[in-house]
């Protein structure tokens, strides 16, 4: 199973989450391509069995600038029912907690993707409970590929 895990990280928080999830998925036998969104090509997503997006929410509920091209390009692609899941960190102190996670989820659904796990929003630094939810997201992705 080939999985693209595209992430963006400002503080290193989402990079940590993405690497944790990539290691977990690889321990279950998947081939994971871990790539920053700024370097990822949306038009190659259909070459994978699944896509996982890991993003933070910027400022007042915005998609991060370094993820904006990736996000915008999703409007121009048919994901052909590629399976996907979305997760990311934010701060509950912000009015729009995890809004970028919601935006990516909606865009991937609109681009004919197949959502296979509930989105996961993490408040700031992940704790063991958050990592458990990340593993569960990964398990749902893996189960959808069998």
Protein backbone atom coordinates (compact mmCIF):
# COMPACT_ATOMS: atom_id res chain seq x y z
CA UNK A 1 0.00 0.00 0.00
CA UNK A 2 1.39 3.36 -1.05
CA UNK A 3 0.45 6.34 1.10
CA UNK A 4 1.36 9.98 0.55
CA UNK A 5 1.60 11.85 3.84
CA UNK A 6 1.77 15.54 2.97
CA UNK A 7 2.38 17.93 5.84
CA UNK A 8 3.16 21.50 6.70
CA UNK A 9 4.72 22.65 9.94
CA UNK A 10 5.73 26.02 11.33
CA UNK A 11 6.86 25.11 14.85
CA UNK A 12 7.84 21.49 14.20
CA UNK A 13 4.68 20.22 15.88
CA UNK A 14 3.04 18.86 12.72
CA UNK A 15 6.33 17.50 11.41
CA UNK A 16 6.59 15.48 14.63
CA UNK A 17 3.03 14.22 14.19
CA UNK A 18 3.64 13.36 10.52
CA UNK A 19 6.86 11.46 11.27
CA UNK A 20 5.15 9.57 14.09
CA UNK A 21 2.28 8.57 11.80
CA UNK A 22 4.63 7.63 8.95
CA UNK A 23 6.63 5.37 11.29
CA UNK A 24 3.42 3.80 12.56
CA UNK A 25 2.08 3.11 9.07
CA UNK A 26 5.43 1.69 7.93
CA UNK A 27 5.50 -0.61 10.97
CA UNK A 28 2.20 -2.01 9.64
CA UNK A 29 3.74 -2.72 6.22
CA UNK A 30 2.81 0.38 4.21
CA UNK A 31 5.13 2.31 1.95
CA UNK A 32 4.86 5.94 3.04
CA UNK A 33 6.12 8.98 1.16
CA UNK A 34 6.52 11.77 3.72
CA UNK A 35 6.62 15.11 1.98
CA UNK A 36 6.18 18.75 2.89
CA UNK A 37 3.19 20.21 1.07
CA UNK A 38 5.30 22.95 -0.47
CA UNK A 39 7.20 20.19 -2.34
CA UNK A 40 4.25 17.88 -3.06
CA UNK A 41 2.56 17.65 -6.46
CA UNK A 42 -1.22 17.34 -6.19
CA UNK A 43 -1.38 15.79 -9.64
CA UNK A 44 0.61 12.76 -8.40
CA UNK A 45 -1.89 11.91 -5.64
CA UNK A 46 -3.72 9.45 -7.89
CA UNK A 47 -0.49 7.41 -8.04
CA UNK A 48 -1.03 6.55 -4.36
CA UNK A 49 -3.56 4.32 -2.66
CA UNK A 50 -4.23 6.96 0.00
CA UNK A 51 -3.43 10.53 0.99
CA UNK A 52 -3.05 11.85 4.51
CA UNK A 53 -2.84 15.61 5.01
CA UNK A 54 -1.31 16.99 8.21
CA UNK A 55 -1.64 20.77 8.57
CA UNK A 56 -1.64 23.46 11.17
CA UNK A 57 -4.14 26.30 11.18
CA UNK A 58 -2.59 29.70 10.61
CA UNK A 59 -3.58 33.00 12.17
CA UNK A 60 -7.36 33.36 12.26
CA UNK A 61 -8.38 30.02 10.78
CA UNK A 62 -6.41 30.11 7.54
CA UNK A 63 -4.68 27.47 5.43
CA UNK A 64 -0.93 28.04 5.93
CA UNK A 65 0.76 30.01 3.16
CA UNK A 66 3.18 27.17 2.37
CA UNK A 67 0.20 24.82 1.88
CA UNK A 68 -1.87 27.24 -0.21
CA UNK A 69 -0.66 26.08 -3.66
CA UNK A 70 -1.30 22.44 -2.73
CA UNK A 71 -4.76 23.39 -1.45
CA UNK A 72 -5.61 25.50 -4.52
CA UNK A 73 -4.46 22.78 -6.93
CA UNK A 74 -6.95 20.37 -5.36
CA UNK A 75 -9.67 22.36 -7.15
CA UNK A 76 -8.24 21.20 -10.49
CA UNK A 77 -8.00 17.45 -9.91
CA UNK A 78 -10.30 14.46 -9.82
CA UNK A 79 -8.97 12.26 -7.03
CA UNK A 80 -10.85 9.31 -8.52
CA UNK A 81 -12.04 8.20 -5.06
CA UNK A 82 -8.51 8.16 -3.62
CA UNK A 83 -8.86 7.43 0.07
CA UNK A 84 -7.86 10.24 2.42
CA UNK A 85 -7.71 11.46 5.99
CA UNK A 86 -6.81 14.84 7.49
CA UNK A 87 -5.30 15.82 10.80
CA UNK A 88 -3.42 18.71 12.32
CA UNK A 89 -2.62 20.86 15.28
CA UNK A 90 -3.98 24.21 16.30
CA UNK A 91 -4.73 26.08 19.51
CA UNK A 92 -8.05 26.00 21.30
CA UNK A 93 -7.28 29.57 22.33
CA UNK A 94 -8.15 30.61 18.76
CA UNK A 95 -11.75 31.13 17.76
CA UNK A 96 -11.29 28.98 14.65
CA UNK A 97 -9.60 25.94 16.21
CA UNK A 98 -8.35 23.60 13.50
CA UNK A 99 -10.16 25.38 10.68
CA UNK A 100 -7.47 24.45 8.10
CA UNK A 101 -8.17 20.77 8.87
CA UNK A 102 -11.83 21.45 8.04
CA UNK A 103 -10.92 23.30 4.85
CA UNK A 104 -8.72 20.45 3.59
CA UNK A 105 -11.38 17.88 4.47
CA UNK A 106 -14.02 19.77 2.51
CA UNK A 107 -11.72 20.36 -0.46
CA UNK A 108 -10.65 16.71 -0.68
CA UNK A 109 -14.29 15.61 -0.55
CA UNK A 110 -15.13 18.15 -3.28
CA UNK A 111 -12.28 16.79 -5.40
CA UNK A 112 -13.85 13.32 -5.45
CA UNK A 113 -11.74 11.85 -2.67
CA UNK A 114 -13.09 9.22 -0.29
CA UNK A 115 -12.76 10.20 3.36
CA UNK A 116 -11.97 7.06 5.38
CA UNK A 117 -11.41 8.50 8.87
CA UNK A 118 -12.77 11.31 10.95
CA UNK A 119 -10.48 14.31 10.97
CA UNK A 120 -8.23 14.66 14.02
CA UNK A 121 -7.53 18.05 15.59
CA UNK A 122 -4.78 18.30 18.17
CA UNK A 123 -4.54 21.14 20.67
CA UNK A 124 -0.96 22.42 20.45
CA UNK A 125 1.65 19.80 21.40
CA UNK A 126 0.44 16.20 21.07
CA UNK A 127 0.19 14.07 24.19
CA UNK A 128 -0.23 10.29 24.43
CA UNK A 129 -4.00 10.58 24.02
CA UNK A 130 -3.47 12.54 20.81
CA UNK A 131 -0.98 9.99 19.50
CA UNK A 132 -3.56 7.28 20.19
CA UNK A 133 -6.07 9.20 18.01
CA UNK A 134 -3.37 9.55 15.32
CA UNK A 135 -2.81 5.76 15.39
CA UNK A 136 -6.57 5.18 15.13
CA UNK A 137 -6.70 7.48 12.08
CA UNK A 138 -3.86 5.44 10.59
CA UNK A 139 -5.69 2.19 11.33
CA UNK A 140 -8.79 3.46 9.51
CA UNK A 141 -6.70 4.38 6.49
CA UNK A 142 -5.05 0.96 6.47
CA UNK A 143 -8.36 -0.86 6.90
CA UNK A 144 -9.82 1.01 3.92
CA UNK A 145 -7.00 -0.29 1.72
CA UNK A 146 -7.61 -3.99 2.36
